[in-house]
C-alpha atoms as a PDB file:
ATOM      1  CA  MET A   1      33.050  59.585  21.054  1.00  0.00           C
ATOM      2  CA  VAL A   2      29.415  59.826  21.681  1.00  0.00           C
ATOM      3  CA  LEU A   3      28.618  59.705  17.810  1.00  0.00           C
ATOM      4  CA  LEU A   4      31.126  56.841  17.334  1.00  0.00           C
ATOM      5  CA  GLY A   5      29.429  54.813  20.017  1.00  0.00           C
ATOM      6  CA  ALA A   6      25.927  55.375  18.810  1.00  0.00           C
ATOM      7  CA  ALA A   7      27.264  54.317  15.248  1.00  0.00           C
ATOM      8  CA  VAL A   8      28.588  51.234  16.884  1.00  0.00           C
ATOM      9  CA  LEU A   9      25.308  50.351  18.397  1.00  0.00           C
ATOM     10  CA  ALA A  10      23.363  51.006  15.311  1.00  0.00           C
ATOM     11  CA  ALA A  11      25.663  48.639  13.255  1.00  0.00           C
ATOM     12  CA  PRO A  12      23.772  45.397  12.007  1.00  0.00           C
ATOM     13  CA  GLN A  13      24.569  42.385  14.181  1.00  0.00           C
ATOM     14  CA  PRO A  14      25.565  39.317  12.638  1.00  0.00           C
ATOM     15  CA  PRO A  15      23.186  36.482  12.837  1.00  0.00           C
ATOM     16  CA  ALA A  16      23.511  34.165  15.703  1.00  0.00           C
ATOM     17  CA  ALA A  17      25.247  31.002  14.951  1.00  0.00           C
ATOM     18  CA  VAL A  18      23.055  27.933  14.295  1.00  0.00           C
ATOM     19  CA  ALA A  19      23.972  24.203  14.138  1.00  0.00           C
ATOM     20  CA  PRO A  20      24.691  23.193  10.536  1.00  0.00           C
ATOM     21  CA  ALA A  21      21.531  21.308   8.989  1.00  0.00           C
ATOM     22  CA  ASP A  22      21.981  17.686   7.371  1.00  0.00           C
ATOM     23  CA  LEU A  23      20.208  18.856   4.126  1.00  0.00           C
ATOM     24  CA  VAL A  24      19.658  22.139   2.379  1.00  0.00           C
ATOM     25  CA  LEU A  25      17.642  22.594  -0.596  1.00  0.00           C
ATOM     26  CA  ARG A  26      18.195  25.995  -2.542  1.00  0.00           C
ATOM     27  CA  GLY A  27      17.548  27.475  -5.850  1.00  0.00           C
ATOM     28  CA  GLY A  28      13.929  26.264  -6.166  1.00  0.00           C
ATOM     29  CA  LYS A  29      10.170  26.662  -5.663  1.00  0.00           C
ATOM     30  CA  ILE A  30       9.349  25.194  -2.242  1.00  0.00           C
ATOM     31  CA  VAL A  31       5.749  24.763  -1.456  1.00  0.00           C
ATOM     32  CA  THR A  32       5.511  25.702   2.220  1.00  0.00           C
ATOM     33  CA  VAL A  33       1.678  24.918   2.802  1.00  0.00           C
ATOM     34  CA  ASP A  34       1.826  28.152   4.660  1.00  0.00           C
ATOM     35  CA  GLN A  35      -0.638  30.870   3.443  1.00  0.00           C
ATOM     36  CA  ALA A  36       1.412  33.523   4.982  1.00  0.00           C
ATOM     37  CA  ARG A  37       4.336  32.293   2.879  1.00  0.00           C
ATOM     38  CA  PRO A  38       3.121  29.939   0.380  1.00  0.00           C
ATOM     39  CA  GLU A  39       6.736  29.746  -1.486  1.00  0.00           C
ATOM     40  CA  ALA A  40      10.288  29.879  -0.469  1.00  0.00           C
ATOM     41  CA  GLN A  41      13.558  29.685  -2.413  1.00  0.00           C
ATOM     42  CA  ALA A  42      15.369  27.382   0.030  1.00  0.00           C
ATOM     43  CA  MET A  43      15.039  25.024   2.978  1.00  0.00           C
ATOM     44  CA  ALA A  44      17.049  23.716   5.678  1.00  0.00           C
ATOM     45  CA  VAL A  45      16.388  20.011   7.144  1.00  0.00           C
ATOM     46  CA  ARG A  46      17.952  18.533  10.270  1.00  0.00           C
ATOM     47  CA  GLY A  47      17.050  15.062  10.834  1.00  0.00           C
ATOM     48  CA  ASP A  48      13.410  14.572   9.975  1.00  0.00           C
ATOM     49  CA  THR A  49      12.637  18.235  10.655  1.00  0.00           C
ATOM     50  CA  ILE A  50      12.611  21.192   8.607  1.00  0.00           C
ATOM     51  CA  VAL A  51      14.143  23.840  10.748  1.00  0.00           C
ATOM     52  CA  ALA A  52      14.138  26.964   8.279  1.00  0.00           C
ATOM     53  CA  LEU A  53      12.746  28.314   5.187  1.00  0.00           C
ATOM     54  CA  GLY A  54      13.923  31.422   3.179  1.00  0.00           C
ATOM     55  CA  SER A  55      16.279  32.694   0.410  1.00  0.00           C
ATOM     56  CA  ASP A  56      19.473  31.026  -0.484  1.00  0.00           C
ATOM     57  CA  GLN A  57      21.150  33.731   1.173  1.00  0.00           C
ATOM     58  CA  GLU A  58      19.256  33.197   4.489  1.00  0.00           C
ATOM     59  CA  MET A  59      19.917  29.226   4.386  1.00  0.00           C
ATOM     60  CA  GLN A  60      23.670  29.665   3.769  1.00  0.00           C
ATOM     61  CA  ARG A  61      24.146  30.071   7.350  1.00  0.00           C
ATOM     62  CA  TYR A  62      22.962  26.280   7.818  1.00  0.00           C
ATOM     63  CA  VAL A  63      25.259  24.786   5.510  1.00  0.00           C
ATOM     64  CA  GLY A  64      28.412  23.136   7.335  1.00  0.00           C
ATOM     65  CA  PRO A  65      31.097  20.726   6.241  1.00  0.00           C
ATOM     66  CA  SER A  66      28.816  17.777   6.268  1.00  0.00           C
ATOM     67  CA  THR A  67      25.539  19.334   4.977  1.00  0.00           C
ATOM     68  CA  LYS A  68      24.342  17.911   1.801  1.00  0.00           C
ATOM     69  CA  VAL A  69      23.253  20.736  -0.573  1.00  0.00           C
ATOM     70  CA  ILE A  70      20.857  20.296  -3.459  1.00  0.00           C
ATOM     71  CA  ASP A  71      20.603  22.929  -5.970  1.00  0.00           C
ATOM     72  CA  LEU A  72      16.989  22.504  -7.287  1.00  0.00           C
ATOM     73  CA  GLN A  73      17.833  24.604 -10.410  1.00  0.00           C
ATOM     74  CA  GLY A  74      14.359  26.086 -10.384  1.00  0.00           C
ATOM     75  CA  ALA A  75      12.598  22.673  -9.741  1.00  0.00           C
ATOM     76  CA  LEU A  76       9.514  22.240  -7.456  1.00  0.00           C
ATOM     77  CA  ALA A  77       9.625  20.956  -4.158  1.00  0.00           C
ATOM     78  CA  THR A  78       6.555  19.585  -2.412  1.00  0.00           C
ATOM     79  CA  PRO A  79       5.652  18.054   0.963  1.00  0.00           C
ATOM     80  CA  GLY A  80       5.614  14.364   0.428  1.00  0.00           C
ATOM     81  CA  PHE A  81       2.371  12.394   0.868  1.00  0.00           C
ATOM     82  CA  ILE A  82       2.075   9.178   2.799  1.00  0.00           C
ATOM     83  CA  ASP A  83      -0.079   6.764   0.894  1.00  0.00           C
ATOM     84  CA  ALA A  84      -2.503   5.724   3.519  1.00  0.00           C
ATOM     85  CA  HIS A  85      -5.287   4.899   1.003  1.00  0.00           C
ATOM     86  CA  VAL A  86      -8.141   2.727   2.034  1.00  0.00           C
ATOM     87  CA  HIS A  87     -10.300   0.787  -0.590  1.00  0.00           C
ATOM     88  CA  PHE A  88     -13.857   0.665   0.944  1.00  0.00           C
ATOM     89  CA  THR A  89     -14.684  -2.679  -0.536  1.00  0.00           C
ATOM     90  CA  GLY A  90     -11.052  -4.165   0.866  1.00  0.00           C
ATOM     91  CA  VAL A  91     -11.645  -2.771   4.127  1.00  0.00           C
ATOM     92  CA  GLY A  92     -15.277  -4.291   4.332  1.00  0.00           C
ATOM     93  CA  GLU A  93     -14.011  -7.582   3.110  1.00  0.00           C
ATOM     94  CA  ALA A  94     -11.172  -7.748   5.326  1.00  0.00           C
ATOM     95  CA  ALA A  95     -13.611  -7.472   8.387  1.00  0.00           C
ATOM     96  CA  ARG A  96     -15.753 -10.398   7.055  1.00  0.00           C
ATOM     97  CA  ASN A  97     -12.976 -12.619   5.449  1.00  0.00           C
ATOM     98  CA  LEU A  98     -10.657 -15.477   6.885  1.00  0.00           C
ATOM     99  CA  LYS A  99      -7.587 -13.657   8.028  1.00  0.00           C
ATOM    100  CA  LEU A 100      -4.785 -15.966   6.876  1.00  0.00           C
ATOM    101  CA  SER A 101      -1.758 -13.613   7.862  1.00  0.00           C
ATOM    102  CA  THR A 102      -1.598 -15.732  11.247  1.00  0.00           C
ATOM    103  CA  ALA A 103      -1.398 -19.001   9.512  1.00  0.00           C
ATOM    104  CA  LYS A 104       1.891 -20.764  10.062  1.00  0.00           C
ATOM    105  CA  ASN A 105       1.591 -23.134   6.820  1.00  0.00           C
ATOM    106  CA  TRP A 106      -0.760 -24.376   4.194  1.00  0.00           C
ATOM    107  CA  ASP A 107      -2.487 -27.031   6.709  1.00  0.00           C
ATOM    108  CA  ASP A 108      -3.355 -23.989   8.778  1.00  0.00           C
ATOM    109  CA  ILE A 109      -5.207 -22.428   6.017  1.00  0.00           C
ATOM    110  CA  VAL A 110      -7.070 -25.772   5.024  1.00  0.00           C
ATOM    111  CA  ARG A 111      -8.089 -25.974   8.746  1.00  0.00           C
ATOM    112  CA  MET A 112      -9.633 -22.358   8.805  1.00  0.00           C
ATOM    113  CA  VAL A 113     -11.433 -22.941   5.433  1.00  0.00           C
ATOM    114  CA  ALA A 114     -12.710 -26.244   6.621  1.00  0.00           C
ATOM    115  CA  ALA A 115     -14.003 -24.584   9.931  1.00  0.00           C
ATOM    116  CA  ALA A 116     -15.859 -21.829   7.860  1.00  0.00           C
ATOM    117  CA  ALA A 117     -17.290 -24.587   5.441  1.00  0.00           C
ATOM    118  CA  LYS A 118     -19.099 -26.137   8.487  1.00  0.00           C
ATOM    119  CA  THR A 119     -21.020 -22.882   9.124  1.00  0.00           C
ATOM    120  CA  ALA A 120     -21.528 -21.699   5.460  1.00  0.00           C
ATOM    121  CA  ARG A 121     -24.533 -22.425   3.331  1.00  0.00           C
ATOM    122  CA  PRO A 122     -23.927 -24.686   0.085  1.00  0.00           C
ATOM    123  CA  GLY A 123     -22.762 -22.524  -2.619  1.00  0.00           C
ATOM    124  CA  GLU A 124     -21.768 -19.736  -0.372  1.00  0.00           C
ATOM    125  CA  TRP A 125     -18.317 -18.123  -1.128  1.00  0.00           C
ATOM    126  CA  ILE A 126     -15.748 -18.480   1.296  1.00  0.00           C
ATOM    127  CA  LEU A 127     -13.184 -15.729   1.025  1.00  0.00           C
ATOM    128  CA  GLY A 128      -9.755 -15.015   2.712  1.00  0.00           C
ATOM    129  CA  ARG A 129      -6.771 -12.792   2.392  1.00  0.00           C
ATOM    130  CA  GLY A 130      -3.171 -12.486   3.791  1.00  0.00           C
ATOM    131  CA  TRP A 131      -1.531 -15.676   3.235  1.00  0.00           C
ATOM    132  CA  HIS A 132       2.302 -15.458   2.091  1.00  0.00           C
ATOM    133  CA  GLN A 133       4.232 -18.594   1.291  1.00  0.00           C
ATOM    134  CA  GLU A 134       7.491 -17.079   2.598  1.00  0.00           C
ATOM    135  CA  LYS A 135       6.073 -16.781   6.176  1.00  0.00           C
ATOM    136  CA  TRP A 136       5.146 -20.551   6.354  1.00  0.00           C
ATOM    137  CA  SER A 137       7.106 -22.897   8.584  1.00  0.00           C
ATOM    138  CA  GLU A 138       7.440 -25.410   5.809  1.00  0.00           C
ATOM    139  CA  VAL A 139       7.023 -25.999   2.249  1.00  0.00           C
ATOM    140  CA  PRO A 140       3.736 -27.742   1.419  1.00  0.00           C
ATOM    141  CA  SER A 141       3.796 -31.329  -0.126  1.00  0.00           C
ATOM    142  CA  PRO A 142       2.896 -31.709  -2.852  1.00  0.00           C
ATOM    143  CA  ASN A 143       3.531 -28.381  -4.336  1.00  0.00           C
ATOM    144  CA  VAL A 144       4.405 -26.579  -7.732  1.00  0.00           C
ATOM    145  CA  GLU A 145       6.982 -24.123  -7.395  1.00  0.00           C
ATOM    146  CA  GLY A 146       6.833 -24.047  -3.758  1.00  0.00           C
ATOM    147  CA  PHE A 147       3.095 -23.522  -3.785  1.00  0.00           C
ATOM    148  CA  PRO A 148       0.415 -26.101  -2.705  1.00  0.00           C
ATOM    149  CA  LEU A 149      -1.997 -27.853  -5.129  1.00  0.00           C
ATOM    150  CA  HIS A 150      -5.740 -27.468  -4.443  1.00  0.00           C
ATOM    151  CA  GLU A 151      -6.770 -30.833  -3.449  1.00  0.00           C
ATOM    152  CA  ALA A 152      -6.801 -30.620   0.294  1.00  0.00           C
ATOM    153  CA  LEU A 153      -8.353 -27.320   0.155  1.00  0.00           C
ATOM    154  CA  SER A 154     -11.218 -28.555  -2.294  1.00  0.00           C
ATOM    155  CA  ALA A 155     -11.685 -31.533   0.058  1.00  0.00           C
ATOM    156  CA  ALA A 156     -12.150 -29.355   2.989  1.00  0.00           C
ATOM    157  CA  SER A 157     -14.843 -27.288   1.122  1.00  0.00           C
ATOM    158  CA  PRO A 158     -16.646 -29.765  -1.226  1.00  0.00           C
ATOM    159  CA  ASN A 159     -19.761 -27.475  -1.124  1.00  0.00           C
ATOM    160  CA  ASN A 160     -18.342 -23.934  -1.289  1.00  0.00           C
ATOM    161  CA  PRO A 161     -16.312 -21.920  -3.737  1.00  0.00           C
ATOM    162  CA  VAL A 162     -13.121 -20.711  -2.078  1.00  0.00           C
ATOM    163  CA  TRP A 163     -10.916 -17.572  -3.155  1.00  0.00           C
ATOM    164  CA  LEU A 164      -7.880 -16.925  -1.082  1.00  0.00           C
ATOM    165  CA  THR A 165      -6.047 -13.728  -1.757  1.00  0.00           C
ATOM    166  CA  HIS A 166      -2.349 -13.470  -1.395  1.00  0.00           C
ATOM    167  CA  ALA A 167      -0.965 -10.848   1.086  1.00  0.00           C
ATOM    168  CA  SER A 168       0.378  -8.737  -2.024  1.00  0.00           C
ATOM    169  CA  GLY A 169      -3.139  -8.579  -3.593  1.00  0.00           C
ATOM    170  CA  HIS A 170      -1.532  -9.645  -6.773  1.00  0.00           C
ATOM    171  CA  ALA A 171      -2.224 -13.453  -6.649  1.00  0.00           C
ATOM    172  CA  GLY A 172      -4.858 -15.634  -5.228  1.00  0.00           C
ATOM    173  CA  PHE A 173      -5.833 -19.225  -4.567  1.00  0.00           C
ATOM    174  CA  ALA A 174      -8.910 -21.072  -5.669  1.00  0.00           C
ATOM    175  CA  ASN A 175     -10.512 -24.483  -4.868  1.00  0.00           C
ATOM    176  CA  ALA A 176     -12.219 -26.678  -7.523  1.00  0.00           C
ATOM    177  CA  LEU A 177     -15.642 -25.124  -7.277  1.00  0.00           C
ATOM    178  CA  ALA A 178     -14.128 -21.673  -7.828  1.00  0.00           C
ATOM    179  CA  MET A 179     -12.026 -22.734 -10.672  1.00  0.00           C
ATOM    180  CA  LYS A 180     -15.198 -24.421 -12.180  1.00  0.00           C
ATOM    181  CA  ALA A 181     -17.167 -21.024 -11.619  1.00  0.00           C
ATOM    182  CA  ALA A 182     -14.372 -19.012 -13.159  1.00  0.00           C
ATOM    183  CA  GLU A 183     -14.107 -21.444 -16.180  1.00  0.00           C
ATOM    184  CA  VAL A 184     -10.698 -22.423 -15.399  1.00  0.00           C
ATOM    185  CA  SER A 185      -9.309 -25.734 -16.742  1.00  0.00           C
ATOM    186  CA  ARG A 186      -5.996 -27.417 -17.823  1.00  0.00           C
ATOM    187  CA  ALA A 187      -7.110 -25.884 -21.424  1.00  0.00           C
ATOM    188  CA  THR A 188      -7.126 -22.476 -19.980  1.00  0.00           C
ATOM    189  CA  PRO A 189      -4.112 -20.439 -21.235  1.00  0.00           C
ATOM    190  CA  ASP A 190      -2.074 -17.983 -19.233  1.00  0.00           C
ATOM    191  CA  PRO A 191      -3.525 -14.649 -20.119  1.00  0.00           C
ATOM    192  CA  ALA A 192      -1.063 -11.782 -21.104  1.00  0.00           C
ATOM    193  CA  GLY A 193       0.842 -10.466 -17.915  1.00  0.00           C
ATOM    194  CA  GLY A 194      -0.401 -13.246 -15.877  1.00  0.00           C
ATOM    195  CA  LYS A 195      -0.076 -17.003 -14.953  1.00  0.00           C
ATOM    196  CA  ILE A 196      -2.245 -19.770 -13.932  1.00  0.00           C
ATOM    197  CA  LEU A 197       0.192 -22.284 -12.001  1.00  0.00           C
ATOM    198  CA  LYS A 198      -0.265 -25.851 -13.196  1.00  0.00           C
ATOM    199  CA  ASP A 199       0.996 -29.197 -12.015  1.00  0.00           C
ATOM    200  CA  ALA A 200       3.326 -31.621 -14.193  1.00  0.00           C
ATOM    201  CA  SER A 201       0.284 -33.048 -15.714  1.00  0.00           C
ATOM    202  CA  GLY A 202      -1.105 -29.643 -16.892  1.00  0.00           C
ATOM    203  CA  ASN A 203      -4.001 -29.253 -14.322  1.00  0.00           C
ATOM    204  CA  PRO A 204      -4.470 -25.867 -12.727  1.00  0.00           C
ATOM    205  CA  SER A 205      -3.104 -25.913  -9.148  1.00  0.00           C
ATOM    206  CA  GLY A 206      -5.230 -23.272  -7.931  1.00  0.00           C
ATOM    207  CA  ARG A 207      -3.008 -20.524  -7.914  1.00  0.00           C
ATOM    208  CA  ALA A 208      -3.409 -17.570 -10.169  1.00  0.00           C
ATOM    209  CA  ILE A 209      -0.983 -14.605 -10.479  1.00  0.00           C
ATOM    210  CA  MET A 210      -1.300 -11.095 -11.580  1.00  0.00           C
ATOM    211  CA  VAL A 211      -3.689 -10.678 -14.603  1.00  0.00           C
ATOM    212  CA  ALA A 212      -4.920 -14.027 -14.105  1.00  0.00           C
ATOM    213  CA  THR A 213      -6.250 -13.282 -10.923  1.00  0.00           C
ATOM    214  CA  VAL A 214      -7.935 -10.262 -12.139  1.00  0.00           C
ATOM    215  CA  LYS A 215      -9.474 -12.183 -15.075  1.00  0.00           C
ATOM    216  CA  THR A 216     -10.493 -15.036 -12.673  1.00  0.00           C
ATOM    217  CA  THR A 217     -12.055 -12.528 -10.128  1.00  0.00           C
ATOM    218  CA  ASN A 218     -13.980 -10.737 -13.065  1.00  0.00           C
ATOM    219  CA  ARG A 219     -15.630 -13.795 -13.985  1.00  0.00           C
ATOM    220  CA  LEU A 220     -17.073 -14.043 -10.377  1.00  0.00           C
ATOM    221  CA  VAL A 221     -18.244 -10.499 -10.357  1.00  0.00           C
ATOM    222  CA  ASP A 222     -21.863 -11.257 -11.242  1.00  0.00           C
ATOM    223  CA  VAL A 223     -22.132 -13.892  -8.402  1.00  0.00           C
ATOM    224  CA  ARG A 224     -20.451 -11.716  -5.857  1.00  0.00           C
ATOM    225  CA  THR A 225     -21.447  -8.127  -6.875  1.00  0.00           C
ATOM    226  CA  SER A 226     -24.232  -7.905  -4.104  1.00  0.00           C
ATOM    227  CA  ALA A 227     -21.916  -9.113  -1.227  1.00  0.00           C
ATOM    228  CA  LEU A 228     -19.160  -6.834  -2.619  1.00  0.00           C
ATOM    229  CA  ALA A 229     -21.327  -3.764  -2.424  1.00  0.00           C
ATOM    230  CA  ASN A 230     -22.390  -4.424   1.064  1.00  0.00           C
ATOM    231  CA  ARG A 231     -18.767  -5.059   2.146  1.00  0.00           C
ATOM    232  CA  ALA A 232     -17.936  -1.595   0.566  1.00  0.00           C
ATOM    233  CA  ARG A 233     -20.575   0.073   2.539  1.00  0.00           C
ATOM    234  CA  SER A 234     -19.439  -1.846   5.748  1.00  0.00           C
ATOM    235  CA  GLY A 235     -15.849  -0.401   4.900  1.00  0.00           C
ATOM    236  CA  ALA A 236     -17.222   3.212   4.350  1.00  0.00           C
ATOM    237  CA  LYS A 237     -18.681   3.064   7.897  1.00  0.00           C
ATOM    238  CA  GLY A 238     -15.160   3.228   9.381  1.00  0.00           C
ATOM    239  CA  ILE A 239     -14.328   6.434   7.666  1.00  0.00           C
ATOM    240  CA  PRO A 240     -15.094   9.734   9.382  1.00  0.00           C
ATOM    241  CA  ALA A 241     -17.905  11.528   7.652  1.00  0.00           C
ATOM    242  CA  ASP A 242     -15.975  14.705   7.338  1.00  0.00           C
ATOM    243  CA  ARG A 243     -13.223  13.001   5.549  1.00  0.00           C
ATOM    244  CA  ALA A 244     -15.411  10.686   3.451  1.00  0.00           C
ATOM    245  CA  ALA A 245     -17.308  13.486   2.039  1.00  0.00           C
ATOM    246  CA  THR A 246     -14.080  15.023   0.516  1.00  0.00           C
ATOM    247  CA  GLN A 247     -12.128  12.246  -0.439  1.00  0.00           C
ATOM    248  CA  ASN A 248     -12.056   9.986  -3.511  1.00  0.00           C
ATOM    249  CA  PRO A 249     -14.715   7.236  -2.792  1.00  0.00           C
ATOM    250  CA  THR A 250     -12.163   4.436  -3.405  1.00  0.00           C
ATOM    251  CA  LEU A 251      -8.915   6.182  -2.369  1.00  0.00           C
ATOM    252  CA  ILE A 252      -8.048   8.184   0.865  1.00  0.00           C
ATOM    253  CA  SER A 253      -4.517   9.610   1.368  1.00  0.00           C
ATOM    254  CA  PRO A 254      -4.101  11.754   4.266  1.00  0.00           C
ATOM    255  CA  GLY A 255      -1.061  13.012   5.834  1.00  0.00           C
ATOM    256  CA  MET A 256       2.360  14.400   4.719  1.00  0.00           C
ATOM    257  CA  ASP A 257       5.980  13.869   5.260  1.00  0.00           C
ATOM    258  CA  GLU A 258       9.411  14.202   3.908  1.00  0.00           C
ATOM    259  CA  ALA A 259      10.174  16.901   0.933  1.00  0.00           C
ATOM    260  CA  ILE A 260       9.900  15.202  -2.466  1.00  0.00           C
ATOM    261  CA  VAL A 261      11.820  17.116  -5.076  1.00  0.00           C
ATOM    262  CA  SER A 262      10.623  16.970  -8.686  1.00  0.00           C
ATOM    263  CA  LYS A 263      10.779  19.112 -11.850  1.00  0.00           C
END
């Protein structure tokens, strides 16, 4: 009886019950970012939290009736990266440019440019970013495809070229002087992959899209190089030195989030 009791006490105890996971990945190579255990075969996730790492057998206890199970079939799973990148030039420009995201309509933007033109030197560029036509309270009139024509903007800034970048960064709006500097006219064709919006008479409205934006901006680089360099330096000042020294000079991507599965 004594020996039997000892045998019972020495018998391995079953693992304690655990709440089922929402997701279990198994059969893979999971990068843990833990030097003590750099790789695991399986992983259990509940909500947005990784609750366990281990072998397929060890993670089986987390599988319940509603658990989603993904067999990685040897694929690699790594922590996902939150793309919180920062373009130094863009950060510097944003601090100095007109902030157009607050504009309720096109008239607001024209007024903001007019106010900037009053204090700008003749020939000085007026830059802005953040406008989005879908957020305006009304469609401008006149318009082409829902976008304004440049005349009101040009009248508000007769001595200064103006370039206003869309919130997406993939389109922009120019006044007459900016289009002249970029050599954009009614004879300018749409570049491959881009579009220069024109009115019914074939005159450019001031709006350029995608590649047209890039090509238009590139023609202005010589004029703006010095200012852009200063703005890049200004943007860089906002990056902690210990990070700026180790990151790509035009891209910063700190942080990790949910698991990404890829072969």
